[in-house]
């Protein structure tokens, strides 16, 4: 299998999990769309490894593999198909690798929101400047806003494991400000996550309808 075919298949799996993206990406410059898909697919891989599945052991092993892989990207090596689209980007992959152990520390949010956000801080601090550099954003997201966005992704994955939100209920999560600064691709993705959470709070989990996705992406793109 060629590298491009492997990459296309991997991205196809991510698009199947996020069908809304086909609508939302209209608010990105056409030249940024392939990079955005690859980046968000990587973000999805890390989130699923950290917070998905009933057994934490495979996910922890996968995060360890990704630590090694991202350090390889910083040296010019790559094994994963996503490396074909991402590895040569001028960002600090080693810094992202160094932040991944924070994802292995917990499997569910703490009852105290501040404690949960503190646990996500190392990853948020790595992601905020990295995504700004990756997409040439004028202003990086604050680490605090990025941590809130990560927590939303975390809570969105919990029902897949039958795990309660441990005090981080969806209404209080949605009360946090949306991601308003940083890379547009990250803001749009965060907007779609919030849209899914809003529907989950009303008992309708899963992908959001096209009109809802369009509105959420438009609002997020405006910043």
N, C-alpha and C. Protein backbone atom coordinates (compact mmCIF):
# COMPACT_ATOMS: atom_id res chain seq x y z
N UNK A 1 0.85 -1.20 0.00
CA UNK A 1 0.00 0.00 0.00
C UNK A 1 0.88 1.24 0.00
N UNK A 2 0.63 2.17 -0.91
CA UNK A 2 1.43 3.39 -0.99
C UNK A 2 1.13 4.28 0.21
N UNK A 3 2.07 5.20 0.48
CA UNK A 3 1.87 6.11 1.60
C UNK A 3 0.63 6.97 1.45
N UNK A 4 0.37 7.42 0.22
CA UNK A 4 -0.80 8.28 0.00
C UNK A 4 -2.10 7.50 0.19
N UNK A 5 -2.12 6.26 -0.27
CA UNK A 5 -3.32 5.44 -0.09
C UNK A 5 -3.58 5.20 1.40
N UNK A 6 -2.51 4.89 2.14
CA UNK A 6 -2.66 4.65 3.58
C UNK A 6 -3.16 5.91 4.28
N UNK A 7 -2.62 7.07 3.88
CA UNK A 7 -3.06 8.32 4.47
C UNK A 7 -4.53 8.58 4.14
N UNK A 8 -4.91 8.38 2.89
CA UNK A 8 -6.30 8.61 2.49
C UNK A 8 -7.26 7.71 3.26
N UNK A 9 -6.87 6.45 3.47
CA UNK A 9 -7.74 5.54 4.21
C UNK A 9 -7.87 5.98 5.67
N UNK A 10 -6.77 6.43 6.23
CA UNK A 10 -6.82 6.86 7.63
C UNK A 10 -7.69 8.10 7.77
N UNK A 11 -7.53 9.06 6.86
CA UNK A 11 -8.35 10.26 6.92
C UNK A 11 -9.82 9.95 6.66
N UNK A 12 -10.06 8.96 5.82
CA UNK A 12 -11.44 8.55 5.57
C UNK A 12 -12.11 8.04 6.83
N UNK A 13 -11.38 7.32 7.66
CA UNK A 13 -11.94 6.84 8.93
C UNK A 13 -12.27 8.01 9.85
N UNK A 14 -11.39 9.02 9.87
CA UNK A 14 -11.67 10.19 10.70
C UNK A 14 -12.89 10.94 10.19
N UNK A 15 -13.00 11.12 8.88
CA UNK A 15 -14.15 11.83 8.32
C UNK A 15 -15.45 11.08 8.60
N UNK A 16 -15.38 9.75 8.66
CA UNK A 16 -16.57 8.97 8.99
C UNK A 16 -17.02 9.24 10.43
N UNK A 17 -16.07 9.50 11.33
CA UNK A 17 -16.42 9.83 12.71
C UNK A 17 -16.92 11.26 12.84
N UNK A 18 -16.47 12.14 11.93
CA UNK A 18 -16.86 13.55 11.98
C UNK A 18 -17.43 13.96 10.63
N UNK A 19 -18.59 13.45 10.25
CA UNK A 19 -19.17 13.82 8.96
C UNK A 19 -19.50 15.30 8.84
N UNK A 20 -19.68 15.98 9.98
CA UNK A 20 -19.96 17.41 9.95
C UNK A 20 -18.82 18.22 9.32
N UNK A 21 -17.63 17.66 9.36
CA UNK A 21 -16.47 18.42 8.87
C UNK A 21 -16.59 18.75 7.38
N UNK A 22 -17.24 17.91 6.63
CA UNK A 22 -17.41 18.18 5.20
C UNK A 22 -18.16 19.49 4.98
N UNK A 23 -19.01 19.86 5.92
CA UNK A 23 -19.73 21.13 5.86
C UNK A 23 -18.92 22.24 6.50
N UNK A 24 -18.33 21.95 7.64
CA UNK A 24 -17.64 22.98 8.43
C UNK A 24 -16.39 23.50 7.74
N UNK A 25 -15.70 22.66 6.99
CA UNK A 25 -14.42 23.09 6.43
C UNK A 25 -14.57 24.15 5.34
N UNK A 26 -15.78 24.45 4.93
CA UNK A 26 -15.98 25.51 3.94
C UNK A 26 -15.49 26.86 4.48
N UNK A 27 -15.39 26.99 5.79
CA UNK A 27 -14.93 28.24 6.39
C UNK A 27 -13.41 28.30 6.53
N UNK A 28 -12.71 27.30 6.01
CA UNK A 28 -11.25 27.32 5.96
C UNK A 28 -10.79 27.62 4.54
N UNK A 29 -9.65 28.30 4.38
CA UNK A 29 -9.08 28.43 3.04
C UNK A 29 -8.86 27.04 2.44
N UNK A 30 -9.09 26.91 1.16
CA UNK A 30 -8.97 25.59 0.52
C UNK A 30 -7.61 24.97 0.75
N UNK A 31 -6.57 25.80 0.77
CA UNK A 31 -5.23 25.27 0.95
C UNK A 31 -4.97 24.71 2.33
N UNK A 32 -5.77 25.12 3.31
CA UNK A 32 -5.58 24.63 4.69
C UNK A 32 -6.36 23.35 4.98
N UNK A 33 -7.28 22.99 4.11
CA UNK A 33 -8.19 21.88 4.45
C UNK A 33 -7.50 20.52 4.58
N UNK A 34 -6.59 20.14 3.68
CA UNK A 34 -5.92 18.84 3.87
C UNK A 34 -5.11 18.81 5.17
N UNK A 35 -4.41 19.90 5.47
CA UNK A 35 -3.63 19.95 6.71
C UNK A 35 -4.54 19.88 7.92
N UNK A 36 -5.68 20.58 7.87
CA UNK A 36 -6.61 20.56 9.00
C UNK A 36 -7.14 19.16 9.25
N UNK A 37 -7.48 18.45 8.18
CA UNK A 37 -7.98 17.09 8.36
C UNK A 37 -6.92 16.20 9.01
N UNK A 38 -5.68 16.31 8.53
CA UNK A 38 -4.61 15.48 9.09
C UNK A 38 -4.37 15.83 10.56
N UNK A 39 -4.36 17.11 10.87
CA UNK A 39 -4.12 17.53 12.24
C UNK A 39 -5.23 17.07 13.17
N UNK A 40 -6.46 17.26 12.77
CA UNK A 40 -7.58 16.86 13.63
C UNK A 40 -7.67 15.34 13.73
N UNK A 41 -7.26 14.64 12.71
CA UNK A 41 -7.20 13.17 12.81
C UNK A 41 -6.18 12.75 13.85
N UNK A 42 -5.04 13.43 13.89
CA UNK A 42 -4.04 13.14 14.92
C UNK A 42 -4.60 13.46 16.30
N UNK A 43 -5.26 14.63 16.42
CA UNK A 43 -5.87 14.98 17.70
C UNK A 43 -6.87 13.92 18.14
N UNK A 44 -7.64 13.41 17.16
CA UNK A 44 -8.61 12.37 17.48
C UNK A 44 -7.96 11.09 17.93
N UNK A 45 -6.83 10.73 17.30
CA UNK A 45 -6.10 9.53 17.71
C UNK A 45 -5.65 9.64 19.16
N UNK A 46 -5.11 10.78 19.53
CA UNK A 46 -4.62 10.97 20.89
C UNK A 46 -5.77 10.95 21.90
N UNK A 47 -6.88 11.59 21.55
CA UNK A 47 -8.03 11.61 22.45
C UNK A 47 -8.61 10.21 22.64
N UNK A 48 -8.75 9.47 21.55
CA UNK A 48 -9.30 8.11 21.65
C UNK A 48 -8.38 7.22 22.48
N UNK A 49 -7.08 7.37 22.30
CA UNK A 49 -6.13 6.55 23.07
C UNK A 49 -6.22 6.88 24.55
N UNK A 50 -6.38 8.16 24.87
CA UNK A 50 -6.41 8.57 26.26
C UNK A 50 -7.72 8.27 26.95
N UNK A 51 -8.84 8.49 26.24
CA UNK A 51 -10.14 8.51 26.91
C UNK A 51 -11.15 7.52 26.35
N UNK A 52 -10.85 6.83 25.28
CA UNK A 52 -11.79 5.90 24.68
C UNK A 52 -11.57 4.47 25.17
N UNK A 53 -12.55 3.61 24.92
CA UNK A 53 -12.41 2.20 25.25
C UNK A 53 -12.63 1.90 26.72
N UNK A 54 -13.04 0.66 27.01
CA UNK A 54 -13.30 0.25 28.38
C UNK A 54 -12.03 -0.07 29.16
N UNK A 55 -11.02 -0.59 28.46
CA UNK A 55 -9.77 -1.00 29.10
C UNK A 55 -8.71 0.06 28.82
N UNK A 56 -8.11 0.64 29.87
CA UNK A 56 -7.13 1.70 29.64
C UNK A 56 -5.78 1.20 29.12
N UNK A 57 -5.52 -0.09 29.23
CA UNK A 57 -4.19 -0.61 28.89
C UNK A 57 -3.82 -0.39 27.43
N UNK A 58 -4.68 -0.76 26.46
CA UNK A 58 -4.29 -0.51 25.07
C UNK A 58 -4.08 0.97 24.76
N UNK A 59 -4.93 1.82 25.34
CA UNK A 59 -4.79 3.25 25.09
C UNK A 59 -3.47 3.80 25.63
N UNK A 60 -3.09 3.35 26.82
CA UNK A 60 -1.82 3.80 27.39
C UNK A 60 -0.65 3.37 26.52
N UNK A 61 -0.72 2.14 26.02
CA UNK A 61 0.34 1.67 25.12
C UNK A 61 0.38 2.49 23.83
N UNK A 62 -0.79 2.84 23.33
CA UNK A 62 -0.86 3.63 22.10
C UNK A 62 -0.30 5.03 22.31
N UNK A 63 -0.60 5.64 23.46
CA UNK A 63 -0.02 6.94 23.75
C UNK A 63 1.50 6.87 23.85
N UNK A 64 2.00 5.80 24.44
CA UNK A 64 3.45 5.61 24.49
C UNK A 64 4.05 5.50 23.10
N UNK A 65 3.35 4.80 22.22
CA UNK A 65 3.81 4.69 20.83
C UNK A 65 3.84 6.05 20.17
N UNK A 66 2.79 6.85 20.42
CA UNK A 66 2.72 8.18 19.82
C UNK A 66 3.80 9.11 20.37
N UNK A 67 4.15 8.97 21.64
CA UNK A 67 5.27 9.75 22.16
C UNK A 67 6.54 9.48 21.35
N UNK A 68 6.80 8.21 21.13
CA UNK A 68 7.98 7.83 20.36
C UNK A 68 7.88 8.31 18.91
N UNK A 69 6.68 8.19 18.33
CA UNK A 69 6.49 8.60 16.94
C UNK A 69 6.70 10.11 16.78
N UNK A 70 6.14 10.91 17.68
CA UNK A 70 6.27 12.36 17.57
C UNK A 70 7.71 12.81 17.79
N UNK A 71 8.41 12.14 18.66
CA UNK A 71 9.84 12.45 18.80
C UNK A 71 10.59 12.11 17.52
N UNK A 72 10.16 11.03 16.87
CA UNK A 72 10.75 10.69 15.57
C UNK A 72 10.47 11.77 14.54
N UNK A 73 9.25 12.31 14.55
CA UNK A 73 8.93 13.40 13.62
C UNK A 73 9.86 14.59 13.82
N UNK A 74 10.21 14.87 15.07
CA UNK A 74 11.09 16.01 15.34
C UNK A 74 12.49 15.78 14.78
N UNK A 75 12.85 14.51 14.53
CA UNK A 75 14.16 14.18 13.97
C UNK A 75 14.10 13.90 12.47
N UNK A 76 12.91 14.01 11.88
CA UNK A 76 12.77 13.78 10.45
C UNK A 76 12.34 12.38 10.07
N UNK A 77 12.04 11.53 11.07
CA UNK A 77 11.59 10.16 10.79
C UNK A 77 10.08 10.08 10.95
N UNK A 78 9.47 9.08 10.31
CA UNK A 78 8.03 8.89 10.48
C UNK A 78 7.67 7.46 10.11
N UNK A 79 6.62 6.96 10.80
CA UNK A 79 6.09 5.63 10.51
C UNK A 79 4.60 5.69 10.21
N UNK A 80 3.86 6.51 10.96
CA UNK A 80 2.41 6.57 10.81
C UNK A 80 2.05 7.31 9.52
N UNK A 81 0.96 6.89 8.85
CA UNK A 81 0.55 7.59 7.62
C UNK A 81 0.35 9.09 7.80
N UNK A 82 -0.11 9.52 8.98
CA UNK A 82 -0.31 10.95 9.20
C UNK A 82 0.99 11.74 9.10
N UNK A 83 2.11 11.07 9.32
CA UNK A 83 3.39 11.74 9.20
C UNK A 83 3.65 12.28 7.81
N UNK A 84 3.05 11.65 6.82
CA UNK A 84 3.23 12.13 5.45
C UNK A 84 2.68 13.54 5.29
N UNK A 85 1.61 13.86 6.00
CA UNK A 85 1.00 15.18 5.89
C UNK A 85 1.52 16.15 6.94
N UNK A 86 2.03 15.64 8.07
CA UNK A 86 2.33 16.51 9.20
C UNK A 86 3.80 16.63 9.57
N UNK A 87 4.56 15.59 9.36
CA UNK A 87 5.91 15.53 9.95
C UNK A 87 6.81 16.70 9.53
N UNK A 88 6.70 17.14 8.31
CA UNK A 88 7.59 18.20 7.82
C UNK A 88 7.12 19.60 8.18
N UNK A 89 5.99 19.71 8.85
CA UNK A 89 5.52 21.03 9.25
C UNK A 89 6.47 21.63 10.29
N UNK A 90 6.72 22.94 10.25
CA UNK A 90 7.72 23.56 11.12
C UNK A 90 7.21 23.81 12.53
N UNK A 91 6.88 22.76 13.23
CA UNK A 91 6.38 22.88 14.60
C UNK A 91 7.18 21.97 15.51
N UNK A 92 7.03 22.17 16.80
CA UNK A 92 7.82 21.44 17.79
C UNK A 92 7.10 20.15 18.19
N UNK A 93 7.32 19.11 17.41
CA UNK A 93 6.67 17.82 17.69
C UNK A 93 7.18 17.23 19.01
N UNK A 94 8.44 17.49 19.34
CA UNK A 94 8.97 16.95 20.59
C UNK A 94 8.24 17.53 21.80
N UNK A 95 7.84 18.81 21.71
CA UNK A 95 7.09 19.42 22.82
C UNK A 95 5.73 18.76 22.99
N UNK A 96 5.09 18.41 21.87
CA UNK A 96 3.81 17.70 21.97
C UNK A 96 4.02 16.32 22.57
N UNK A 97 5.06 15.63 22.15
CA UNK A 97 5.36 14.31 22.72
C UNK A 97 5.56 14.40 24.23
N UNK A 98 6.26 15.44 24.67
CA UNK A 98 6.54 15.59 26.10
C UNK A 98 5.28 15.84 26.92
N UNK A 99 4.23 16.35 26.27
CA UNK A 99 2.99 16.64 26.98
C UNK A 99 2.05 15.45 27.07
N UNK A 100 2.29 14.40 26.29
CA UNK A 100 1.35 13.29 26.25
C UNK A 100 1.22 12.52 27.57
N UNK A 101 2.27 12.40 28.39
CA UNK A 101 2.06 11.69 29.66
C UNK A 101 0.92 12.24 30.50
N UNK A 102 0.61 13.53 30.34
CA UNK A 102 -0.52 14.09 31.10
C UNK A 102 -1.82 13.40 30.72
N UNK A 103 -1.93 12.92 29.48
CA UNK A 103 -3.14 12.23 29.06
C UNK A 103 -3.26 10.84 29.68
N UNK A 104 -2.14 10.27 30.09
CA UNK A 104 -2.18 8.93 30.69
C UNK A 104 -2.48 8.98 32.18
N UNK A 105 -2.50 10.19 32.74
CA UNK A 105 -2.62 10.30 34.19
C UNK A 105 -4.02 9.98 34.70
N UNK A 106 -5.04 10.26 33.88
CA UNK A 106 -6.42 10.08 34.34
C UNK A 106 -7.28 9.50 33.23
N UNK A 107 -8.33 8.80 33.63
CA UNK A 107 -9.27 8.25 32.65
C UNK A 107 -10.61 8.94 32.67
N UNK A 108 -10.92 9.69 33.73
CA UNK A 108 -12.18 10.42 33.82
C UNK A 108 -11.91 11.74 34.50
N UNK A 109 -12.67 12.78 34.18
CA UNK A 109 -12.46 14.07 34.83
C UNK A 109 -12.65 13.98 36.33
N UNK A 110 -11.89 14.80 37.05
CA UNK A 110 -12.04 14.88 38.50
C UNK A 110 -13.38 15.55 38.83
N UNK A 111 -13.82 15.34 40.07
CA UNK A 111 -15.06 16.00 40.50
C UNK A 111 -14.88 17.51 40.55
N UNK A 112 -13.67 17.95 40.80
CA UNK A 112 -13.38 19.38 40.84
C UNK A 112 -12.90 19.83 39.46
N UNK A 113 -13.63 20.77 38.87
CA UNK A 113 -13.32 21.23 37.52
C UNK A 113 -11.91 21.82 37.43
N UNK A 114 -11.54 22.61 38.44
CA UNK A 114 -10.22 23.25 38.42
C UNK A 114 -9.11 22.21 38.42
N UNK A 115 -9.30 21.12 39.17
CA UNK A 115 -8.30 20.06 39.21
C UNK A 115 -8.18 19.38 37.85
N UNK A 116 -9.32 19.17 37.21
CA UNK A 116 -9.31 18.55 35.89
C UNK A 116 -8.57 19.43 34.89
N UNK A 117 -8.87 20.71 34.88
CA UNK A 117 -8.21 21.62 33.95
C UNK A 117 -6.72 21.72 34.24
N UNK A 118 -6.35 21.65 35.50
CA UNK A 118 -4.93 21.67 35.86
C UNK A 118 -4.21 20.44 35.28
N UNK A 119 -4.91 19.31 35.31
CA UNK A 119 -4.31 18.10 34.75
C UNK A 119 -4.12 18.17 33.24
N UNK A 120 -5.00 18.93 32.57
CA UNK A 120 -4.90 19.08 31.12
C UNK A 120 -3.93 20.19 30.72
N UNK A 121 -3.45 20.97 31.68
CA UNK A 121 -2.63 22.14 31.38
C UNK A 121 -1.38 21.82 30.55
N UNK A 122 -0.63 20.74 30.85
CA UNK A 122 0.57 20.50 30.04
C UNK A 122 0.27 20.30 28.57
N UNK A 123 -0.79 19.58 28.26
CA UNK A 123 -1.15 19.38 26.86
C UNK A 123 -1.65 20.68 26.25
N UNK A 124 -2.48 21.42 26.98
CA UNK A 124 -3.01 22.69 26.47
C UNK A 124 -1.88 23.67 26.18
N UNK A 125 -0.89 23.71 27.05
CA UNK A 125 0.24 24.62 26.87
C UNK A 125 1.08 24.24 25.65
N UNK A 126 1.11 22.97 25.31
CA UNK A 126 1.84 22.54 24.11
C UNK A 126 1.02 22.79 22.85
N UNK A 127 -0.29 22.54 22.93
CA UNK A 127 -1.13 22.64 21.74
C UNK A 127 -1.35 24.08 21.29
N UNK A 128 -1.51 25.00 22.23
CA UNK A 128 -1.86 26.37 21.86
C UNK A 128 -0.85 27.00 20.91
N UNK A 129 0.44 27.02 21.23
CA UNK A 129 1.39 27.61 20.28
C UNK A 129 1.62 26.74 19.05
N UNK A 130 1.53 25.42 19.23
CA UNK A 130 1.76 24.53 18.10
C UNK A 130 0.73 24.74 17.00
N UNK A 131 -0.54 24.82 17.37
CA UNK A 131 -1.57 24.98 16.35
C UNK A 131 -1.51 26.37 15.71
N UNK A 132 -1.15 27.38 16.50
CA UNK A 132 -0.99 28.71 15.92
C UNK A 132 0.11 28.71 14.87
N UNK A 133 1.21 28.03 15.16
CA UNK A 133 2.31 27.95 14.20
C UNK A 133 1.92 27.10 12.99
N UNK A 134 1.24 26.02 13.25
CA UNK A 134 0.87 25.09 12.19
C UNK A 134 0.00 25.76 11.13
N UNK A 135 -0.94 26.59 11.58
CA UNK A 135 -1.88 27.23 10.66
C UNK A 135 -1.61 28.73 10.49
N UNK A 136 -0.45 29.18 10.97
CA UNK A 136 -0.05 30.58 10.81
C UNK A 136 -1.11 31.53 11.35
N UNK A 137 -1.62 31.22 12.53
CA UNK A 137 -2.62 32.08 13.17
C UNK A 137 -1.94 33.30 13.79
N UNK A 138 -2.58 34.44 13.70
CA UNK A 138 -1.99 35.68 14.22
C UNK A 138 -1.85 35.63 15.74
N UNK A 139 -2.80 34.98 16.41
CA UNK A 139 -2.80 34.92 17.87
C UNK A 139 -3.07 33.49 18.31
N UNK A 140 -2.25 33.00 19.20
CA UNK A 140 -2.48 31.65 19.73
C UNK A 140 -3.61 31.66 20.73
N UNK A 141 -4.29 30.55 20.86
CA UNK A 141 -5.28 30.40 21.93
C UNK A 141 -4.57 30.44 23.27
N UNK A 142 -5.26 30.92 24.29
CA UNK A 142 -4.68 30.85 25.63
C UNK A 142 -4.68 29.40 26.09
N UNK A 143 -3.69 29.00 26.88
CA UNK A 143 -3.71 27.64 27.41
C UNK A 143 -4.98 27.31 28.18
N UNK A 144 -5.54 28.32 28.87
CA UNK A 144 -6.76 28.09 29.64
C UNK A 144 -7.94 27.76 28.72
N UNK A 145 -8.06 28.50 27.61
CA UNK A 145 -9.14 28.22 26.66
C UNK A 145 -8.93 26.88 25.98
N UNK A 146 -7.68 26.55 25.68
CA UNK A 146 -7.41 25.26 25.06
C UNK A 146 -7.73 24.12 26.01
N UNK A 147 -7.44 24.30 27.29
CA UNK A 147 -7.77 23.27 28.28
C UNK A 147 -9.27 23.06 28.35
N UNK A 148 -10.05 24.14 28.31
CA UNK A 148 -11.51 24.01 28.30
C UNK A 148 -11.97 23.24 27.07
N UNK A 149 -11.38 23.51 25.91
CA UNK A 149 -11.75 22.81 24.69
C UNK A 149 -11.41 21.32 24.79
N UNK A 150 -10.27 21.02 25.38
CA UNK A 150 -9.88 19.62 25.57
C UNK A 150 -10.85 18.90 26.52
N UNK A 151 -11.25 19.60 27.57
CA UNK A 151 -12.19 19.00 28.51
C UNK A 151 -13.51 18.68 27.81
N UNK A 152 -13.95 19.55 26.91
CA UNK A 152 -15.19 19.28 26.16
C UNK A 152 -15.04 18.01 25.33
N UNK A 153 -13.89 17.83 24.69
CA UNK A 153 -13.66 16.59 23.92
C UNK A 153 -13.68 15.38 24.84
N UNK A 154 -13.10 15.53 26.01
CA UNK A 154 -13.04 14.43 26.98
C UNK A 154 -14.45 14.00 27.37
N UNK A 155 -15.25 14.98 27.77
CA UNK A 155 -16.61 14.67 28.21
C UNK A 155 -17.43 14.06 27.07
N UNK A 156 -17.18 14.52 25.85
CA UNK A 156 -17.91 13.97 24.71
C UNK A 156 -17.64 12.49 24.53
N UNK A 157 -16.44 12.03 24.89
CA UNK A 157 -16.07 10.63 24.73
C UNK A 157 -16.54 9.74 25.87
N UNK A 158 -16.83 10.31 27.03
CA UNK A 158 -17.15 9.50 28.20
C UNK A 158 -18.34 8.56 28.01
N UNK A 159 -19.46 9.00 27.41
CA UNK A 159 -20.59 8.08 27.29
C UNK A 159 -20.28 6.83 26.47
N UNK A 160 -19.28 6.89 25.61
CA UNK A 160 -18.92 5.71 24.84
C UNK A 160 -18.45 4.59 25.76
N UNK A 161 -17.96 4.96 26.95
CA UNK A 161 -17.48 3.97 27.92
C UNK A 161 -18.47 3.76 29.05
N UNK A 162 -19.62 4.44 28.98
CA UNK A 162 -20.58 4.32 30.06
C UNK A 162 -20.10 4.94 31.35
N UNK A 163 -19.22 5.95 31.23
CA UNK A 163 -18.65 6.60 32.41
C UNK A 163 -19.36 7.91 32.66
N UNK A 164 -19.83 8.18 33.89
CA UNK A 164 -20.45 9.49 34.17
C UNK A 164 -19.41 10.59 34.12
N UNK A 165 -19.87 11.81 33.96
CA UNK A 165 -18.95 12.94 33.83
C UNK A 165 -18.30 13.35 35.14
N UNK A 166 -18.56 12.62 36.21
CA UNK A 166 -17.89 12.83 37.50
C UNK A 166 -17.92 14.28 37.96
N UNK A 167 -19.09 14.88 37.88
CA UNK A 167 -19.24 16.25 38.35
C UNK A 167 -19.06 17.29 37.26
N UNK A 168 -18.45 16.89 36.15
CA UNK A 168 -18.29 17.83 35.04
C UNK A 168 -19.47 17.63 34.10
N UNK A 169 -20.65 18.11 34.52
CA UNK A 169 -21.85 17.89 33.73
C UNK A 169 -21.84 18.79 32.50
N UNK A 170 -22.57 18.37 31.49
CA UNK A 170 -22.54 19.07 30.21
C UNK A 170 -23.01 20.52 30.33
N UNK A 171 -24.10 20.83 31.05
CA UNK A 171 -24.50 22.24 31.13
C UNK A 171 -23.42 23.16 31.68
N UNK A 172 -22.73 22.74 32.74
CA UNK A 172 -21.68 23.59 33.29
C UNK A 172 -20.51 23.69 32.33
N UNK A 173 -20.23 22.62 31.61
CA UNK A 173 -19.16 22.66 30.61
C UNK A 173 -19.48 23.65 29.51
N UNK A 174 -20.73 23.66 29.05
CA UNK A 174 -21.12 24.57 27.98
C UNK A 174 -21.18 26.02 28.46
N UNK A 175 -21.18 26.22 29.77
CA UNK A 175 -21.17 27.58 30.29
C UNK A 175 -19.80 28.23 30.12
N UNK A 176 -18.75 27.42 29.91
CA UNK A 176 -17.42 27.97 29.69
C UNK A 176 -17.38 28.67 28.34
N UNK A 177 -16.58 29.73 28.21
CA UNK A 177 -16.50 30.43 26.93
C UNK A 177 -15.99 29.51 25.82
N UNK A 178 -16.50 29.65 24.61
CA UNK A 178 -15.98 28.86 23.49
C UNK A 178 -14.58 29.32 23.11
N UNK A 179 -13.90 28.50 22.34
CA UNK A 179 -12.56 28.84 21.88
C UNK A 179 -12.68 29.97 20.85
N UNK A 180 -12.15 31.16 21.17
CA UNK A 180 -12.32 32.34 20.33
C UNK A 180 -11.04 32.77 19.64
N UNK A 181 -9.89 32.33 20.10
CA UNK A 181 -8.62 32.72 19.49
C UNK A 181 -7.87 31.47 19.05
N UNK A 182 -6.78 31.68 18.34
CA UNK A 182 -6.00 30.55 17.86
C UNK A 182 -6.37 30.16 16.44
N UNK A 183 -5.88 29.02 16.01
CA UNK A 183 -6.09 28.55 14.64
C UNK A 183 -7.57 28.35 14.35
N UNK A 184 -7.99 28.76 13.17
CA UNK A 184 -9.40 28.64 12.81
C UNK A 184 -9.84 27.18 12.79
N UNK A 185 -8.99 26.29 12.33
CA UNK A 185 -9.36 24.87 12.30
C UNK A 185 -9.67 24.35 13.69
N UNK A 186 -8.88 24.75 14.68
CA UNK A 186 -9.14 24.34 16.06
C UNK A 186 -10.44 24.95 16.57
N UNK A 187 -10.69 26.21 16.24
CA UNK A 187 -11.92 26.87 16.70
C UNK A 187 -13.14 26.19 16.11
N UNK A 188 -13.08 25.85 14.84
CA UNK A 188 -14.23 25.19 14.20
C UNK A 188 -14.46 23.82 14.81
N UNK A 189 -13.39 23.07 15.01
CA UNK A 189 -13.54 21.75 15.63
C UNK A 189 -14.15 21.88 17.03
N UNK A 190 -13.66 22.85 17.80
CA UNK A 190 -14.21 23.06 19.14
C UNK A 190 -15.68 23.43 19.07
N UNK A 191 -16.07 24.20 18.04
CA UNK A 191 -17.46 24.54 17.86
C UNK A 191 -18.33 23.33 17.58
N UNK A 192 -17.82 22.41 16.79
CA UNK A 192 -18.57 21.18 16.50
C UNK A 192 -18.68 20.30 17.74
N UNK A 193 -17.61 20.25 18.53
CA UNK A 193 -17.67 19.49 19.79
C UNK A 193 -18.77 20.06 20.69
N UNK A 194 -18.81 21.39 20.81
CA UNK A 194 -19.84 22.01 21.65
C UNK A 194 -21.24 21.73 21.10
N UNK A 195 -21.37 21.75 19.78
CA UNK A 195 -22.69 21.47 19.19
C UNK A 195 -23.13 20.04 19.51
N UNK A 196 -22.19 19.10 19.45
CA UNK A 196 -22.54 17.71 19.80
C UNK A 196 -22.92 17.62 21.28
N UNK A 197 -22.17 18.32 22.14
CA UNK A 197 -22.48 18.29 23.56
C UNK A 197 -23.86 18.88 23.85
N UNK A 198 -24.20 19.95 23.15
CA UNK A 198 -25.52 20.56 23.35
C UNK A 198 -26.63 19.57 23.01
N UNK A 199 -26.46 18.84 21.92
CA UNK A 199 -27.46 17.85 21.56
C UNK A 199 -27.45 16.67 22.53
N UNK A 200 -26.27 16.30 23.02
CA UNK A 200 -26.19 15.22 24.01
C UNK A 200 -26.93 15.59 25.28
N UNK A 201 -26.84 16.86 25.66
CA UNK A 201 -27.54 17.31 26.86
C UNK A 201 -29.05 17.19 26.70
N UNK A 202 -29.52 17.18 25.45
CA UNK A 202 -30.95 17.02 25.18
C UNK A 202 -31.30 15.58 24.80
N UNK A 203 -30.36 14.67 25.02
CA UNK A 203 -30.61 13.26 24.75
C UNK A 203 -30.47 12.86 23.30
N UNK A 204 -29.74 13.64 22.50
CA UNK A 204 -29.54 13.32 21.09
C UNK A 204 -28.05 13.32 20.75
N UNK A 205 -27.33 12.29 21.19
CA UNK A 205 -25.89 12.25 20.93
C UNK A 205 -25.58 11.95 19.47
N UNK A 206 -24.31 12.15 19.11
CA UNK A 206 -23.86 11.82 17.77
C UNK A 206 -23.68 13.05 16.90
N UNK A 207 -23.40 12.84 15.62
CA UNK A 207 -23.20 13.97 14.70
C UNK A 207 -24.40 14.89 14.66
N UNK A 208 -24.13 16.16 14.43
CA UNK A 208 -25.21 17.15 14.40
C UNK A 208 -25.70 17.33 12.97
N UNK A 209 -26.95 17.75 12.78
CA UNK A 209 -27.48 17.97 11.43
C UNK A 209 -26.71 19.07 10.69
N UNK A 210 -26.80 19.03 9.38
CA UNK A 210 -26.05 19.97 8.55
C UNK A 210 -26.29 21.43 8.92
N UNK A 211 -27.54 21.88 9.10
CA UNK A 211 -27.74 23.30 9.44
C UNK A 211 -27.08 23.69 10.76
N UNK A 212 -27.11 22.79 11.73
CA UNK A 212 -26.49 23.06 13.03
C UNK A 212 -24.97 23.13 12.88
N UNK A 213 -24.42 22.21 12.12
CA UNK A 213 -22.97 22.21 11.89
C UNK A 213 -22.53 23.47 11.17
N UNK A 214 -23.31 23.89 10.19
CA UNK A 214 -22.97 25.09 9.43
C UNK A 214 -22.95 26.32 10.33
N UNK A 215 -23.97 26.45 11.18
CA UNK A 215 -24.04 27.60 12.07
C UNK A 215 -22.91 27.57 13.10
N UNK A 216 -22.66 26.39 13.67
CA UNK A 216 -21.59 26.27 14.67
C UNK A 216 -20.24 26.62 14.06
N UNK A 217 -19.99 26.14 12.85
CA UNK A 217 -18.70 26.40 12.19
C UNK A 217 -18.57 27.88 11.84
N UNK A 218 -19.65 28.48 11.40
CA UNK A 218 -19.62 29.90 11.03
C UNK A 218 -19.31 30.76 12.25
N UNK A 219 -19.96 30.48 13.36
CA UNK A 219 -19.70 31.23 14.56
C UNK A 219 -18.26 31.06 15.04
N UNK A 220 -17.76 29.83 14.99
CA UNK A 220 -16.40 29.56 15.43
C UNK A 220 -15.38 30.23 14.51
N UNK A 221 -15.65 30.20 13.22
CA UNK A 221 -14.72 30.81 12.26
C UNK A 221 -14.61 32.31 12.45
N UNK A 222 -15.71 32.93 12.88
CA UNK A 222 -15.68 34.38 13.11
C UNK A 222 -14.81 34.76 14.30
N UNK A 223 -14.67 33.82 15.25
CA UNK A 223 -13.85 34.08 16.42
C UNK A 223 -14.52 34.99 17.43
